[in-house]
PDB file of N, CA and C in Angstrom:
ATOM      1  N   MET A   1      41.759  -0.293 -64.524  1.00  0.00           N
ATOM      2  CA  MET A   1      42.869  -1.233 -64.550  1.00  0.00           C
ATOM      3  C   MET A   1      42.606  -2.352 -63.542  1.00  0.00           C
ATOM      4  N   TYR A   2      43.181  -3.489 -63.830  1.00  0.00           N
ATOM      5  CA  TYR A   2      42.954  -4.685 -63.038  1.00  0.00           C
ATOM      6  C   TYR A   2      44.321  -5.322 -62.765  1.00  0.00           C
ATOM      7  N   GLU A   3      44.697  -5.511 -61.511  1.00  0.00           N
ATOM      8  CA  GLU A   3      45.975  -6.150 -61.191  1.00  0.00           C
ATOM      9  C   GLU A   3      45.768  -7.648 -61.074  1.00  0.00           C
ATOM     10  N   HIS A   4      46.583  -8.408 -61.815  1.00  0.00           N
ATOM     11  CA  HIS A   4      46.463  -9.868 -61.823  1.00  0.00           C
ATOM     12  C   HIS A   4      47.812 -10.491 -61.466  1.00  0.00           C
ATOM     13  N   PHE A   5      47.791 -11.447 -60.540  1.00  0.00           N
ATOM     14  CA  PHE A   5      48.990 -12.164 -60.106  1.00  0.00           C
ATOM     15  C   PHE A   5      49.017 -13.540 -60.763  1.00  0.00           C
ATOM     16  N   PHE A   6      50.213 -13.951 -61.209  1.00  0.00           N
ATOM     17  CA  PHE A   6      50.362 -15.270 -61.831  1.00  0.00           C
ATOM     18  C   PHE A   6      51.823 -15.694 -61.770  1.00  0.00           C
ATOM     19  N   GLN A   7      52.097 -16.963 -62.107  1.00  0.00           N
ATOM     20  CA  GLN A   7      53.467 -17.470 -62.120  1.00  0.00           C
ATOM     21  C   GLN A   7      54.075 -17.308 -63.499  1.00  0.00           C
ATOM     22  N   CYS A   8      55.317 -16.824 -63.520  1.00  0.00           N
ATOM     23  CA  CYS A   8      56.054 -16.729 -64.780  1.00  0.00           C
ATOM     24  C   CYS A   8      56.297 -18.151 -65.303  1.00  0.00           C
ATOM     25  N   PRO A   9      56.032 -18.408 -66.589  1.00  0.00           N
ATOM     26  CA  PRO A   9      56.268 -19.742 -67.143  1.00  0.00           C
ATOM     27  C   PRO A   9      57.752 -20.062 -67.354  1.00  0.00           C
ATOM     28  N   HIS A  10      58.627 -19.100 -67.130  1.00  0.00           N
ATOM     29  CA  HIS A  10      60.069 -19.318 -67.274  1.00  0.00           C
ATOM     30  C   HIS A  10      60.737 -19.568 -65.921  1.00  0.00           C
ATOM     31  N   CYS A  11      60.573 -18.637 -64.976  1.00  0.00           N
ATOM     32  CA  CYS A  11      61.295 -18.717 -63.693  1.00  0.00           C
ATOM     33  C   CYS A  11      60.393 -19.163 -62.538  1.00  0.00           C
ATOM     34  N   TRP A  12      59.099 -19.272 -62.777  1.00  0.00           N
ATOM     35  CA  TRP A  12      58.096 -19.738 -61.797  1.00  0.00           C
ATOM     36  C   TRP A  12      57.889 -18.803 -60.614  1.00  0.00           C
ATOM     37  N   GLU A  13      58.439 -17.597 -60.683  1.00  0.00           N
ATOM     38  CA  GLU A  13      58.201 -16.606 -59.628  1.00  0.00           C
ATOM     39  C   GLU A  13      56.810 -16.001 -59.820  1.00  0.00           C
ATOM     40  N   GLU A  14      56.173 -15.618 -58.716  1.00  0.00           N
ATOM     41  CA  GLU A  14      54.889 -14.940 -58.817  1.00  0.00           C
ATOM     42  C   GLU A  14      55.138 -13.481 -59.201  1.00  0.00           C
ATOM     43  N   ILE A  15      54.451 -13.042 -60.247  1.00  0.00           N
ATOM     44  CA  ILE A  15      54.554 -11.661 -60.693  1.00  0.00           C
ATOM     45  C   ILE A  15      53.141 -11.100 -60.847  1.00  0.00           C
ATOM     46  N   SER A  16      53.048  -9.796 -60.985  1.00  0.00           N
ATOM     47  CA  SER A  16      51.749  -9.179 -61.228  1.00  0.00           C
ATOM     48  C   SER A  16      51.854  -8.243 -62.418  1.00  0.00           C
ATOM     49  N   MET A  17      50.742  -8.081 -63.091  1.00  0.00           N
ATOM     50  CA  MET A  17      50.668  -7.151 -64.205  1.00  0.00           C
ATOM     51  C   MET A  17      49.358  -6.406 -64.118  1.00  0.00           C
ATOM     52  N   LEU A  18      49.376  -5.155 -64.559  1.00  0.00           N
ATOM     53  CA  LEU A  18      48.153  -4.371 -64.659  1.00  0.00           C
ATOM     54  C   LEU A  18      47.531  -4.627 -66.022  1.00  0.00           C
ATOM     55  N   LEU A  19      46.274  -5.053 -66.017  1.00  0.00           N
ATOM     56  CA  LEU A  19      45.564  -5.365 -67.249  1.00  0.00           C
ATOM     57  C   LEU A  19      44.477  -4.316 -67.469  1.00  0.00           C
ATOM     58  N   ASP A  20      44.263  -3.954 -68.716  1.00  0.00           N
ATOM     59  CA  ASP A  20      43.261  -2.948 -69.074  1.00  0.00           C
ATOM     60  C   ASP A  20      41.908  -3.638 -69.255  1.00  0.00           C
ATOM     61  N   SER A  21      41.023  -3.486 -68.278  1.00  0.00           N
ATOM     62  CA  SER A  21      39.727  -4.159 -68.316  1.00  0.00           C
ATOM     63  C   SER A  21      38.739  -3.499 -69.280  1.00  0.00           C
ATOM     64  N   SER A  22      39.106  -2.374 -69.880  1.00  0.00           N
ATOM     65  CA  SER A  22      38.209  -1.719 -70.833  1.00  0.00           C
ATOM     66  C   SER A  22      38.305  -2.342 -72.230  1.00  0.00           C
ATOM     67  N   VAL A  23      39.293  -3.215 -72.451  1.00  0.00           N
ATOM     68  CA  VAL A  23      39.461  -3.894 -73.738  1.00  0.00           C
ATOM     69  C   VAL A  23      39.041  -5.351 -73.549  1.00  0.00           C
ATOM     70  N   ARG A  24      38.061  -5.811 -74.339  1.00  0.00           N
ATOM     71  CA  ARG A  24      37.494  -7.156 -74.144  1.00  0.00           C
ATOM     72  C   ARG A  24      38.506  -8.276 -74.347  1.00  0.00           C
ATOM     73  N   HIS A  25      39.310  -8.213 -75.401  1.00  0.00           N
ATOM     74  CA  HIS A  25      40.291  -9.272 -75.659  1.00  0.00           C
ATOM     75  C   HIS A  25      41.623  -8.643 -76.038  1.00  0.00           C
ATOM     76  N   GLN A  26      42.672  -9.144 -75.404  1.00  0.00           N
ATOM     77  CA  GLN A  26      44.021  -8.639 -75.666  1.00  0.00           C
ATOM     78  C   GLN A  26      44.967  -9.821 -75.803  1.00  0.00           C
ATOM     79  N   LYS A  27      45.889  -9.717 -76.724  1.00  0.00           N
ATOM     80  CA  LYS A  27      46.948 -10.720 -76.871  1.00  0.00           C
ATOM     81  C   LYS A  27      48.223  -9.952 -77.180  1.00  0.00           C
ATOM     82  N   TYR A  28      49.213 -10.082 -76.292  1.00  0.00           N
ATOM     83  CA  TYR A  28      50.441  -9.318 -76.476  1.00  0.00           C
ATOM     84  C   TYR A  28      51.593  -9.997 -75.732  1.00  0.00           C
ATOM     85  N   ILE A  29      52.798  -9.493 -75.943  1.00  0.00           N
ATOM     86  CA  ILE A  29      54.005 -10.038 -75.318  1.00  0.00           C
ATOM     87  C   ILE A  29      54.551  -9.014 -74.332  1.00  0.00           C
ATOM     88  N   GLU A  30      54.864  -9.498 -73.144  1.00  0.00           N
ATOM     89  CA  GLU A  30      55.413  -8.658 -72.069  1.00  0.00           C
ATOM     90  C   GLU A  30      56.562  -9.432 -71.437  1.00  0.00           C
ATOM     91  N   ASP A  31      57.624  -8.740 -71.052  1.00  0.00           N
ATOM     92  CA  ASP A  31      58.751  -9.403 -70.399  1.00  0.00           C
ATOM     93  C   ASP A  31      58.478  -9.585 -68.910  1.00  0.00           C
ATOM     94  N   CYS A  32      58.934 -10.712 -68.361  1.00  0.00           N
ATOM     95  CA  CYS A  32      58.831 -10.967 -66.927  1.00  0.00           C
ATOM     96  C   CYS A  32      59.663  -9.927 -66.184  1.00  0.00           C
ATOM     97  N   GLU A  33      59.119  -9.388 -65.101  1.00  0.00           N
ATOM     98  CA  GLU A  33      59.836  -8.372 -64.323  1.00  0.00           C
ATOM     99  C   GLU A  33      60.964  -8.974 -63.488  1.00  0.00           C
ATOM    100  N   ILE A  34      60.998 -10.296 -63.339  1.00  0.00           N
ATOM    101  CA  ILE A  34      62.046 -10.971 -62.563  1.00  0.00           C
ATOM    102  C   ILE A  34      63.175 -11.469 -63.475  1.00  0.00           C
ATOM    103  N   CYS A  35      62.825 -12.308 -64.469  1.00  0.00           N
ATOM    104  CA  CYS A  35      63.860 -12.948 -65.298  1.00  0.00           C
ATOM    105  C   CYS A  35      64.015 -12.323 -66.686  1.00  0.00           C
ATOM    106  N   CYS A  36      63.138 -11.390 -67.043  1.00  0.00           N
ATOM    107  CA  CYS A  36      63.186 -10.647 -68.313  1.00  0.00           C
ATOM    108  C   CYS A  36      62.890 -11.491 -69.556  1.00  0.00           C
ATOM    109  N   ASN A  37      62.432 -12.723 -69.396  1.00  0.00           N
ATOM    110  CA  ASN A  37      62.062 -13.542 -70.549  1.00  0.00           C
ATOM    111  C   ASN A  37      60.672 -13.143 -71.043  1.00  0.00           C
ATOM    112  N   PRO A  38      60.422 -13.309 -72.359  1.00  0.00           N
ATOM    113  CA  PRO A  38      59.136 -12.900 -72.916  1.00  0.00           C
ATOM    114  C   PRO A  38      58.007 -13.869 -72.570  1.00  0.00           C
ATOM    115  N   ILE A  39      56.837 -13.288 -72.280  1.00  0.00           N
ATOM    116  CA  ILE A  39      55.632 -14.043 -71.950  1.00  0.00           C
ATOM    117  C   ILE A  39      54.521 -13.575 -72.890  1.00  0.00           C
ATOM    118  N   GLU A  40      53.865 -14.533 -73.546  1.00  0.00           N
ATOM    119  CA  GLU A  40      52.718 -14.192 -74.382  1.00  0.00           C
ATOM    120  C   GLU A  40      51.460 -14.243 -73.515  1.00  0.00           C
ATOM    121  N   LEU A  41      50.799 -13.107 -73.386  1.00  0.00           N
ATOM    122  CA  LEU A  41      49.595 -13.001 -72.576  1.00  0.00           C
ATOM    123  C   LEU A  41      48.369 -12.998 -73.479  1.00  0.00           C
ATOM    124  N   ASP A  42      47.358 -13.753 -73.079  1.00  0.00           N
ATOM    125  CA  ASP A  42      46.078 -13.779 -73.774  1.00  0.00           C
ATOM    126  C   ASP A  42      45.020 -13.525 -72.700  1.00  0.00           C
ATOM    127  N   VAL A  43      44.356 -12.375 -72.771  1.00  0.00           N
ATOM    128  CA  VAL A  43      43.488 -11.895 -71.700  1.00  0.00           C
ATOM    129  C   VAL A  43      42.108 -11.567 -72.255  1.00  0.00           C
ATOM    130  N   SER A  44      41.063 -11.994 -71.535  1.00  0.00           N
ATOM    131  CA  SER A  44      39.692 -11.681 -71.936  1.00  0.00           C
ATOM    132  C   SER A  44      38.908 -11.136 -70.750  1.00  0.00           C
ATOM    133  N   PHE A  45      38.149 -10.088 -71.010  1.00  0.00           N
ATOM    134  CA  PHE A  45      37.272  -9.476 -70.011  1.00  0.00           C
ATOM    135  C   PHE A  45      35.847  -9.465 -70.534  1.00  0.00           C
ATOM    136  N   GLU A  46      34.905  -9.546 -69.616  1.00  0.00           N
ATOM    137  CA  GLU A  46      33.494  -9.373 -69.947  1.00  0.00           C
ATOM    138  C   GLU A  46      32.870  -8.532 -68.855  1.00  0.00           C
ATOM    139  N   ASP A  47      32.264  -7.435 -69.232  1.00  0.00           N
ATOM    140  CA  ASP A  47      31.668  -6.496 -68.282  1.00  0.00           C
ATOM    141  C   ASP A  47      32.652  -6.091 -67.185  1.00  0.00           C
ATOM    142  N   GLY A  48      33.925  -5.887 -67.559  1.00  0.00           N
ATOM    143  CA  GLY A  48      34.948  -5.443 -66.621  1.00  0.00           C
ATOM    144  C   GLY A  48      35.520  -6.532 -65.731  1.00  0.00           C
ATOM    145  N   GLU A  49      35.063  -7.794 -65.903  1.00  0.00           N
ATOM    146  CA  GLU A  49      35.571  -8.904 -65.097  1.00  0.00           C
ATOM    147  C   GLU A  49      36.448  -9.816 -65.946  1.00  0.00           C
ATOM    148  N   LEU A  50      37.543 -10.273 -65.367  1.00  0.00           N
ATOM    149  CA  LEU A  50      38.457 -11.171 -66.051  1.00  0.00           C
ATOM    150  C   LEU A  50      37.800 -12.539 -66.211  1.00  0.00           C
ATOM    151  N   ILE A  51      37.659 -13.005 -67.454  1.00  0.00           N
ATOM    152  CA  ILE A  51      37.042 -14.310 -67.693  1.00  0.00           C
ATOM    153  C   ILE A  51      38.006 -15.301 -68.336  1.00  0.00           C
ATOM    154  N   GLY A  52      39.165 -14.820 -68.824  1.00  0.00           N
ATOM    155  CA  GLY A  52      40.153 -15.709 -69.417  1.00  0.00           C
ATOM    156  C   GLY A  52      41.538 -15.123 -69.313  1.00  0.00           C
ATOM    157  N   PHE A  53      42.507 -15.965 -68.931  1.00  0.00           N
ATOM    158  CA  PHE A  53      43.886 -15.499 -68.806  1.00  0.00           C
ATOM    159  C   PHE A  53      44.822 -16.663 -69.071  1.00  0.00           C
ATOM    160  N   SER A  54      45.792 -16.453 -69.948  1.00  0.00           N
ATOM    161  CA  SER A  54      46.867 -17.430 -70.118  1.00  0.00           C
ATOM    162  C   SER A  54      48.179 -16.671 -70.291  1.00  0.00           C
ATOM    163  N   ALA A  55      49.231 -17.270 -69.758  1.00  0.00           N
ATOM    164  CA  ALA A  55      50.573 -16.697 -69.852  1.00  0.00           C
ATOM    165  C   ALA A  55      51.512 -17.820 -70.270  1.00  0.00           C
ATOM    166  N   ASP A  56      51.949 -17.774 -71.520  1.00  0.00           N
ATOM    167  CA  ASP A  56      52.796 -18.828 -72.074  1.00  0.00           C
ATOM    168  C   ASP A  56      54.188 -18.302 -72.363  1.00  0.00           C
ATOM    169  N   GLY A  57      55.167 -19.112 -72.013  1.00  0.00           N
ATOM    170  CA  GLY A  57      56.553 -18.751 -72.292  1.00  0.00           C
ATOM    171  C   GLY A  57      56.844 -18.856 -73.777  1.00  0.00           C
ATOM    172  N   ILE A  58      57.584 -17.921 -74.296  1.00  0.00           N
ATOM    173  CA  ILE A  58      58.000 -17.927 -75.694  1.00  0.00           C
ATOM    174  C   ILE A  58      59.395 -18.534 -75.757  1.00  0.00           C
ATOM    175  N   GLY A  59      59.575 -19.457 -76.709  1.00  0.00           N
ATOM    176  CA  GLY A  59      60.882 -20.070 -76.869  1.00  0.00           C
ATOM    177  C   GLY A  59      61.098 -21.287 -75.983  1.00  0.00           C
ATOM    178  N   GLN A  60      60.022 -21.826 -75.424  1.00  0.00           N
ATOM    179  CA  GLN A  60      60.156 -23.019 -74.583  1.00  0.00           C
ATOM    180  C   GLN A  60      59.875 -24.239 -75.404  1.00  0.00           C
TER     181      GLN A  60
END
């Protein structure tokens, strides 16, 4: 597992999420732990290292 810190695109608070580095590409929706709004995450790993990350607000 890989812990990644980023800003919520809705409330701009810094949050962290645990990402599964054993899966090369993941795209899923997770709610912000602060404001509970949905965030679409697009995550890419290569050889266990994070090489791509985006967190976009849904409904903006």
